[in-house]
Each structure stands twice: as C-alpha cells, then as structure tokens.
PDB file of N, CA and C in Angstrom:
ATOM      1  N   MET A   1      22.347 -17.101  10.590  1.00  0.00           N
ATOM      2  CA  MET A   1      21.681 -15.821  10.104  1.00  0.00           C
ATOM      3  C   MET A   1      21.943 -15.865   8.653  1.00  0.00           C
ATOM      4  N   SER A   2      20.825 -15.415   7.896  1.00  0.00           N
ATOM      5  CA  SER A   2      20.694 -16.000   6.524  1.00  0.00           C
ATOM      6  C   SER A   2      21.359 -14.495   5.856  1.00  0.00           C
ATOM      7  N   GLU A   3      21.779 -14.520   4.708  1.00  0.00           N
ATOM      8  CA  GLU A   3      22.401 -13.518   4.085  1.00  0.00           C
ATOM      9  C   GLU A   3      21.441 -12.335   3.604  1.00  0.00           C
ATOM     10  N   ALA A   4      21.799 -11.007   3.988  1.00  0.00           N
ATOM     11  CA  ALA A   4      21.131  -9.869   3.626  1.00  0.00           C
ATOM     12  C   ALA A   4      20.718  -9.662   2.482  1.00  0.00           C
ATOM     13  N   ARG A   5      19.415  -9.688   2.129  1.00  0.00           N
ATOM     14  CA  ARG A   5      19.093  -9.338   0.544  1.00  0.00           C
ATOM     15  C   ARG A   5      18.447  -7.810   0.523  1.00  0.00           C
ATOM     16  N   THR A   6      18.678  -7.245  -0.598  1.00  0.00           N
ATOM     17  CA  THR A   6      18.148  -5.639  -0.582  1.00  0.00           C
ATOM     18  C   THR A   6      17.540  -5.485  -1.676  1.00  0.00           C
ATOM     19  N   VAL A   7      16.471  -4.875  -1.876  1.00  0.00           N
ATOM     20  CA  VAL A   7      15.763  -4.451  -3.252  1.00  0.00           C
ATOM     21  C   VAL A   7      15.641  -2.823  -3.107  1.00  0.00           C
ATOM     22  N   GLN A   8      15.669  -2.248  -4.059  1.00  0.00           N
ATOM     23  CA  GLN A   8      15.382  -0.847  -4.082  1.00  0.00           C
ATOM     24  C   GLN A   8      14.249  -0.582  -5.111  1.00  0.00           C
ATOM     25  N   ALA A   9      12.983   0.075  -4.742  1.00  0.00           N
ATOM     26  CA  ALA A   9      11.922   0.341  -5.477  1.00  0.00           C
ATOM     27  C   ALA A   9      11.835   1.890  -5.436  1.00  0.00           C
ATOM     28  N   GLY A  10      12.285   2.491  -6.423  1.00  0.00           N
ATOM     29  CA  GLY A  10      12.442   3.943  -6.231  1.00  0.00           C
ATOM     30  C   GLY A  10      12.887   4.550  -4.942  1.00  0.00           C
ATOM     31  N   ASP A  11      12.637   5.213  -3.900  1.00  0.00           N
ATOM     32  CA  ASP A  11      13.096   5.767  -2.856  1.00  0.00           C
ATOM     33  C   ASP A  11      13.162   4.680  -1.748  1.00  0.00           C
ATOM     34  N   VAL A  12      12.352   3.811  -1.982  1.00  0.00           N
ATOM     35  CA  VAL A  12      12.159   2.802  -0.807  1.00  0.00           C
ATOM     36  C   VAL A  12      13.210   1.660  -0.941  1.00  0.00           C
ATOM     37  N   ILE A  13      13.971   1.226   0.030  1.00  0.00           N
ATOM     38  CA  ILE A  13      14.730   0.006   0.232  1.00  0.00           C
ATOM     39  C   ILE A  13      14.122  -1.238   1.009  1.00  0.00           C
ATOM     40  N   LEU A  14      13.803  -2.103   0.435  1.00  0.00           N
ATOM     41  CA  LEU A  14      13.354  -3.154   1.252  1.00  0.00           C
ATOM     42  C   LEU A  14      14.447  -4.275   1.486  1.00  0.00           C
ATOM     43  N   SER A  15      14.495  -4.756   2.591  1.00  0.00           N
ATOM     44  CA  SER A  15      15.698  -5.670   3.017  1.00  0.00           C
ATOM     45  C   SER A  15      15.618  -6.639   4.232  1.00  0.00           C
ATOM     46  N   ASN A  16      15.804  -7.645   4.189  1.00  0.00           N
ATOM     47  CA  ASN A  16      15.690  -8.667   5.451  1.00  0.00           C
ATOM     48  C   ASN A  16      16.641  -7.954   6.654  1.00  0.00           C
ATOM     49  N   ALA A  17      17.609  -7.245   6.533  1.00  0.00           N
ATOM     50  CA  ALA A  17      18.300  -6.724   7.394  1.00  0.00           C
ATOM     51  C   ALA A  17      17.873  -5.255   7.681  1.00  0.00           C
ATOM     52  N   LEU A  18      16.711  -4.694   7.280  1.00  0.00           N
ATOM     53  CA  LEU A  18      16.118  -3.441   7.766  1.00  0.00           C
ATOM     54  C   LEU A  18      14.834  -3.487   8.567  1.00  0.00           C
ATOM     55  N   PRO A  19      14.304  -2.674   9.010  1.00  0.00           N
ATOM     56  CA  PRO A  19      12.992  -2.608   9.466  1.00  0.00           C
ATOM     57  C   PRO A  19      11.837  -2.896   8.318  1.00  0.00           C
ATOM     58  N   LEU A  20      10.727  -3.481   8.666  1.00  0.00           N
ATOM     59  CA  LEU A  20       9.762  -3.897   8.034  1.00  0.00           C
ATOM     60  C   LEU A  20       9.221  -2.705   7.195  1.00  0.00           C
ATOM     61  N   VAL A  21       8.789  -2.795   5.751  1.00  0.00           N
ATOM     62  CA  VAL A  21       8.070  -1.950   5.012  1.00  0.00           C
ATOM     63  C   VAL A  21       6.821  -2.603   4.707  1.00  0.00           C
ATOM     64  N   VAL A  22       5.672  -2.103   5.064  1.00  0.00           N
ATOM     65  CA  VAL A  22       4.536  -2.375   4.721  1.00  0.00           C
ATOM     66  C   VAL A  22       3.912  -1.788   3.660  1.00  0.00           C
ATOM     67  N   ILE A  23       3.336  -2.744   2.502  1.00  0.00           N
ATOM     68  CA  ILE A  23       2.710  -2.030   1.482  1.00  0.00           C
ATOM     69  C   ILE A  23       1.364  -2.395   1.396  1.00  0.00           C
ATOM     70  N   ALA A  24       0.401  -1.600   1.744  1.00  0.00           N
ATOM     71  CA  ALA A  24      -0.918  -1.639   1.913  1.00  0.00           C
ATOM     72  C   ALA A  24      -1.679  -0.578   1.434  1.00  0.00           C
ATOM     73  N   GLY A  25      -3.171  -0.786   1.371  1.00  0.00           N
ATOM     74  CA  GLY A  25      -4.246  -0.049   0.740  1.00  0.00           C
ATOM     75  C   GLY A  25      -5.255  -0.375   0.340  1.00  0.00           C
ATOM     76  N   PRO A  26      -6.309   0.156   0.022  1.00  0.00           N
ATOM     77  CA  PRO A  26      -7.545  -0.406  -0.382  1.00  0.00           C
ATOM     78  C   PRO A  26      -7.694  -1.271  -1.629  1.00  0.00           C
ATOM     79  N   CYS A  27      -8.487  -2.138  -1.815  1.00  0.00           N
ATOM     80  CA  CYS A  27      -8.499  -2.699  -2.973  1.00  0.00           C
ATOM     81  C   CYS A  27      -8.727  -2.101  -4.289  1.00  0.00           C
ATOM     82  N   GLN A  28      -9.790  -1.023  -3.795  1.00  0.00           N
ATOM     83  CA  GLN A  28     -10.288  -0.085  -4.800  1.00  0.00           C
ATOM     84  C   GLN A  28     -10.410   1.081  -4.283  1.00  0.00           C
ATOM     85  N   LEU A  29      -9.846   2.091  -5.095  1.00  0.00           N
ATOM     86  CA  LEU A  29     -10.033   3.674  -4.736  1.00  0.00           C
ATOM     87  C   LEU A  29     -11.272   4.077  -4.709  1.00  0.00           C
ATOM     88  N   GLU A  30     -11.914   4.750  -3.931  1.00  0.00           N
ATOM     89  CA  GLU A  30     -13.716   5.341  -3.888  1.00  0.00           C
ATOM     90  C   GLU A  30     -13.645   6.477  -4.344  1.00  0.00           C
ATOM     91  N   THR A  31     -12.764   7.386  -3.525  1.00  0.00           N
ATOM     92  CA  THR A  31     -12.537   8.913  -3.780  1.00  0.00           C
ATOM     93  C   THR A  31     -11.384   9.386  -3.432  1.00  0.00           C
ATOM     94  N   ARG A  32     -10.947  10.230  -3.786  1.00  0.00           N
ATOM     95  CA  ARG A  32      -9.738  11.171  -3.519  1.00  0.00           C
ATOM     96  C   ARG A  32      -9.429  11.212  -1.955  1.00  0.00           C
ATOM     97  N   ASP A  33     -10.587  11.766  -1.358  1.00  0.00           N
ATOM     98  CA  ASP A  33     -10.522  12.021  -0.055  1.00  0.00           C
ATOM     99  C   ASP A  33     -10.619  10.596   0.740  1.00  0.00           C
ATOM    100  N   HIS A  34     -11.205   9.608   0.524  1.00  0.00           N
ATOM    101  CA  HIS A  34     -11.235   8.250   0.981  1.00  0.00           C
ATOM    102  C   HIS A  34      -9.555   7.799   0.855  1.00  0.00           C
ATOM    103  N   ALA A  35      -8.952   7.849  -0.140  1.00  0.00           N
ATOM    104  CA  ALA A  35      -7.861   7.425  -0.229  1.00  0.00           C
ATOM    105  C   ALA A  35      -6.574   8.116   0.504  1.00  0.00           C
ATOM    106  N   LEU A  36      -6.880   9.292   0.710  1.00  0.00           N
ATOM    107  CA  LEU A  36      -6.035  10.380   1.521  1.00  0.00           C
ATOM    108  C   LEU A  36      -6.301   9.702   2.945  1.00  0.00           C
ATOM    109  N   MET A  37      -7.532   9.626   3.400  1.00  0.00           N
ATOM    110  CA  MET A  37      -7.847   9.323   4.738  1.00  0.00           C
ATOM    111  C   MET A  37      -6.781   7.918   5.187  1.00  0.00           C
ATOM    112  N   ILE A  38      -7.180   6.973   4.183  1.00  0.00           N
ATOM    113  CA  ILE A  38      -6.705   5.562   4.403  1.00  0.00           C
ATOM    114  C   ILE A  38      -5.040   5.856   4.520  1.00  0.00           C
ATOM    115  N   ALA A  39      -4.678   6.592   3.637  1.00  0.00           N
ATOM    116  CA  ALA A  39      -3.259   6.724   3.399  1.00  0.00           C
ATOM    117  C   ALA A  39      -2.439   7.256   4.806  1.00  0.00           C
ATOM    118  N   GLU A  40      -3.168   8.337   5.392  1.00  0.00           N
ATOM    119  CA  GLU A  40      -2.846   9.148   6.428  1.00  0.00           C
ATOM    120  C   GLU A  40      -2.837   8.094   7.732  1.00  0.00           C
ATOM    121  N   ARG A  41      -3.985   7.395   7.997  1.00  0.00           N
ATOM    122  CA  ARG A  41      -4.036   6.503   8.858  1.00  0.00           C
ATOM    123  C   ARG A  41      -2.929   5.041   8.961  1.00  0.00           C
ATOM    124  N   LEU A  42      -2.677   4.828   7.750  1.00  0.00           N
ATOM    125  CA  LEU A  42      -1.796   3.606   7.441  1.00  0.00           C
ATOM    126  C   LEU A  42      -0.368   4.301   7.756  1.00  0.00           C
ATOM    127  N   ALA A  43      -0.244   5.058   7.424  1.00  0.00           N
ATOM    128  CA  ALA A  43       1.147   5.838   7.611  1.00  0.00           C
ATOM    129  C   ALA A  43       1.463   5.843   8.822  1.00  0.00           C
ATOM    130  N   ARG A  44       0.483   6.933   9.736  1.00  0.00           N
ATOM    131  CA  ARG A  44       0.751   7.042  11.181  1.00  0.00           C
ATOM    132  C   ARG A  44       0.769   5.551  12.170  1.00  0.00           C
ATOM    133  N   ALA A  45       0.129   4.845  11.571  1.00  0.00           N
ATOM    134  CA  ALA A  45       0.249   3.371  12.390  1.00  0.00           C
ATOM    135  C   ALA A  45       1.756   2.511  12.281  1.00  0.00           C
ATOM    136  N   CYS A  46       2.142   2.876  10.824  1.00  0.00           N
ATOM    137  CA  CYS A  46       3.309   2.191  10.515  1.00  0.00           C
ATOM    138  C   CYS A  46       4.478   3.033  11.243  1.00  0.00           C
ATOM    139  N   ALA A  47       4.562   4.561  11.387  1.00  0.00           N
ATOM    140  CA  ALA A  47       5.326   5.179  12.053  1.00  0.00           C
ATOM    141  C   ALA A  47       5.367   4.929  13.424  1.00  0.00           C
ATOM    142  N   ALA A  48       4.159   4.892  13.880  1.00  0.00           N
ATOM    143  CA  ALA A  48       4.275   4.397  15.454  1.00  0.00           C
ATOM    144  C   ALA A  48       4.956   3.102  15.862  1.00  0.00           C
ATOM    145  N   SER A  49       4.742   2.225  14.654  1.00  0.00           N
ATOM    146  CA  SER A  49       5.659   0.777  15.083  1.00  0.00           C
ATOM    147  C   SER A  49       6.817   0.782  14.451  1.00  0.00           C
ATOM    148  N   GLY A  50       7.303   1.798  13.968  1.00  0.00           N
ATOM    149  CA  GLY A  50       8.883   1.888  13.364  1.00  0.00           C
ATOM    150  C   GLY A  50       9.041   1.213  12.060  1.00  0.00           C
ATOM    151  N   ALA A  51       7.643   1.009  11.441  1.00  0.00           N
ATOM    152  CA  ALA A  51       7.847   0.376  10.071  1.00  0.00           C
ATOM    153  C   ALA A  51       7.614   1.324   9.067  1.00  0.00           C
ATOM    154  N   GLY A  52       8.183   1.077   7.685  1.00  0.00           N
ATOM    155  CA  GLY A  52       8.008   1.943   6.632  1.00  0.00           C
ATOM    156  C   GLY A  52       6.567   1.659   5.925  1.00  0.00           C
ATOM    157  N   PHE A  53       6.333   2.555   5.110  1.00  0.00           N
ATOM    158  CA  PHE A  53       5.182   2.515   4.423  1.00  0.00           C
ATOM    159  C   PHE A  53       5.123   2.708   2.934  1.00  0.00           C
ATOM    160  N   VAL A  54       4.413   2.201   2.378  1.00  0.00           N
ATOM    161  CA  VAL A  54       4.306   2.323   0.899  1.00  0.00           C
ATOM    162  C   VAL A  54       2.541   2.079   0.464  1.00  0.00           C
ATOM    163  N   PHE A  55       2.022   3.163   0.078  1.00  0.00           N
ATOM    164  CA  PHE A  55       0.488   3.128  -0.137  1.00  0.00           C
ATOM    165  C   PHE A  55       0.498   2.432  -1.430  1.00  0.00           C
ATOM    166  N   LYS A  56      -0.744   1.510  -1.707  1.00  0.00           N
ATOM    167  CA  LYS A  56      -0.440   0.861  -3.032  1.00  0.00           C
ATOM    168  C   LYS A  56      -2.154   0.746  -3.036  1.00  0.00           C
ATOM    169  N   ALA A  57      -3.022   0.971  -4.120  1.00  0.00           N
ATOM    170  CA  ALA A  57      -4.498   0.703  -4.156  1.00  0.00           C
ATOM    171  C   ALA A  57      -4.554   0.563  -5.799  1.00  0.00           C
ATOM    172  N   SER A  58      -5.521  -0.117  -5.946  1.00  0.00           N
ATOM    173  CA  SER A  58      -6.071  -0.188  -7.611  1.00  0.00           C
ATOM    174  C   SER A  58      -6.926   0.975  -7.942  1.00  0.00           C
ATOM    175  N   TYR A  59      -6.794   1.476  -9.095  1.00  0.00           N
ATOM    176  CA  TYR A  59      -7.450   2.557  -9.498  1.00  0.00           C
ATOM    177  C   TYR A  59      -8.668   1.925 -10.249  1.00  0.00           C
ATOM    178  N   ASP A  60      -8.356   1.021 -10.994  1.00  0.00           N
ATOM    179  CA  ASP A  60      -9.504   0.600 -11.861  1.00  0.00           C
ATOM    180  C   ASP A  60      -9.564  -1.033 -11.520  1.00  0.00           C
ATOM    181  N   LYS A  61     -10.355  -1.352 -10.981  1.00  0.00           N
ATOM    182  CA  LYS A  61     -10.620  -2.924 -10.482  1.00  0.00           C
ATOM    183  C   LYS A  61     -11.441  -3.687 -11.605  1.00  0.00           C
ATOM    184  N   ALA A  62     -10.940  -4.092 -12.610  1.00  0.00           N
ATOM    185  CA  ALA A  62     -12.031  -4.794 -13.328  1.00  0.00           C
ATOM    186  C   ALA A  62     -12.317  -6.537 -13.128  1.00  0.00           C
ATOM    187  N   ASN A  63     -11.518  -6.991 -12.430  1.00  0.00           N
ATOM    188  CA  ASN A  63     -11.682  -8.123 -12.041  1.00  0.00           C
ATOM    189  C   ASN A  63     -12.871  -8.596 -10.822  1.00  0.00           C
ATOM    190  N   ARG A  64     -13.918  -8.114 -11.064  1.00  0.00           N
ATOM    191  CA  ARG A  64     -15.048  -8.343 -10.413  1.00  0.00           C
ATOM    192  C   ARG A  64     -15.656  -9.368 -10.624  1.00  0.00           C
ATOM    193  N   THR A  65     -16.544 -10.129  -9.939  1.00  0.00           N
ATOM    194  CA  THR A  65     -17.380 -11.434 -10.195  1.00  0.00           C
ATOM    195  C   THR A  65     -18.770 -10.891 -10.544  1.00  0.00           C
ATOM    196  N   SER A  66     -19.296  -9.532 -10.258  1.00  0.00           N
ATOM    197  CA  SER A  66     -20.352  -9.251 -10.523  1.00  0.00           C
ATOM    198  C   SER A  66     -19.942  -8.228 -11.678  1.00  0.00           C
ATOM    199  N   LEU A  67     -21.307  -8.407 -12.755  1.00  0.00           N
ATOM    200  CA  LEU A  67     -21.296  -7.359 -14.003  1.00  0.00           C
ATOM    201  C   LEU A  67     -21.341  -5.794 -13.300  1.00  0.00           C
ATOM    202  N   SER A  68     -22.349  -5.808 -12.351  1.00  0.00           N
ATOM    203  CA  SER A  68     -22.762  -4.588 -11.802  1.00  0.00           C
ATOM    204  C   SER A  68     -21.790  -4.054 -10.701  1.00  0.00           C
ATOM    205  N   GLY A  69     -20.595  -4.732 -10.418  1.00  0.00           N
ATOM    206  CA  GLY A  69     -19.691  -4.095  -9.555  1.00  0.00           C
ATOM    207  C   GLY A  69     -19.036  -3.049  -9.621  1.00  0.00           C
ATOM    208  N   ARG A  70     -18.726  -2.086  -8.725  1.00  0.00           N
ATOM    209  CA  ARG A  70     -17.869  -0.908  -8.960  1.00  0.00           C
ATOM    210  C   ARG A  70     -16.410  -1.116  -9.523  1.00  0.00           C
ATOM    211  N   ARG A  71     -16.072  -0.458 -10.329  1.00  0.00           N
ATOM    212  CA  ARG A  71     -14.860  -0.405 -11.034  1.00  0.00           C
ATOM    213  C   ARG A  71     -13.722   0.786 -10.322  1.00  0.00           C
ATOM    214  N   GLY A  72     -14.203   1.419  -9.638  1.00  0.00           N
ATOM    215  CA  GLY A  72     -13.267   2.615  -9.152  1.00  0.00           C
ATOM    216  C   GLY A  72     -13.489   4.175 -10.047  1.00  0.00           C
ATOM    217  N   PRO A  73     -13.353   5.212  -9.444  1.00  0.00           N
ATOM    218  CA  PRO A  73     -13.600   6.458 -10.073  1.00  0.00           C
ATOM    219  C   PRO A  73     -13.138   6.667 -11.481  1.00  0.00           C
ATOM    220  N   GLY A  74     -13.737   7.614 -12.156  1.00  0.00           N
ATOM    221  CA  GLY A  74     -13.220   7.626 -13.297  1.00  0.00           C
ATOM    222  C   GLY A  74     -14.125   7.091 -14.368  1.00  0.00           C
TER     223      GLY A  74
END
C-alpha cells in the first residue's frame, strides 16, 4: 500500500486514505438559481455515495472560441 498523503484546503481534507471528494460544477455560471440547483443535486448525489463534495464553477469564462460566446453573469 502506498504512503498516505493528505492536503487540507480550507475545511476540506483530501487524502488517498480518506473517502473520495468530488470537486465539480458547471463550466460557467448562468444564474444564481441555476448554480444553487446544480450544487444541490451534486451534493445530494455525493452524499448518497459517501463522497465529499466541493462546488467549483467559473464566474467569468473568457476563454471562449467565439467572440459572441457568453462570459457569465455580471
């Protein structure tokens, strides 16, 4: 077995000796309600499987290939 490695990011502890922590979310936030809906569904799915969850999304996604592409709210 490999050596246990642990990293703490704020209140979250990530380790190969602990249950999985999923870091997920949409590539671009569209609205506050959309972000909350996605976060709730992901949190519920992770909790049901015993995994931790960190919500991560981009607020301003400026690296689009189209000049007319959305950049997010604001």
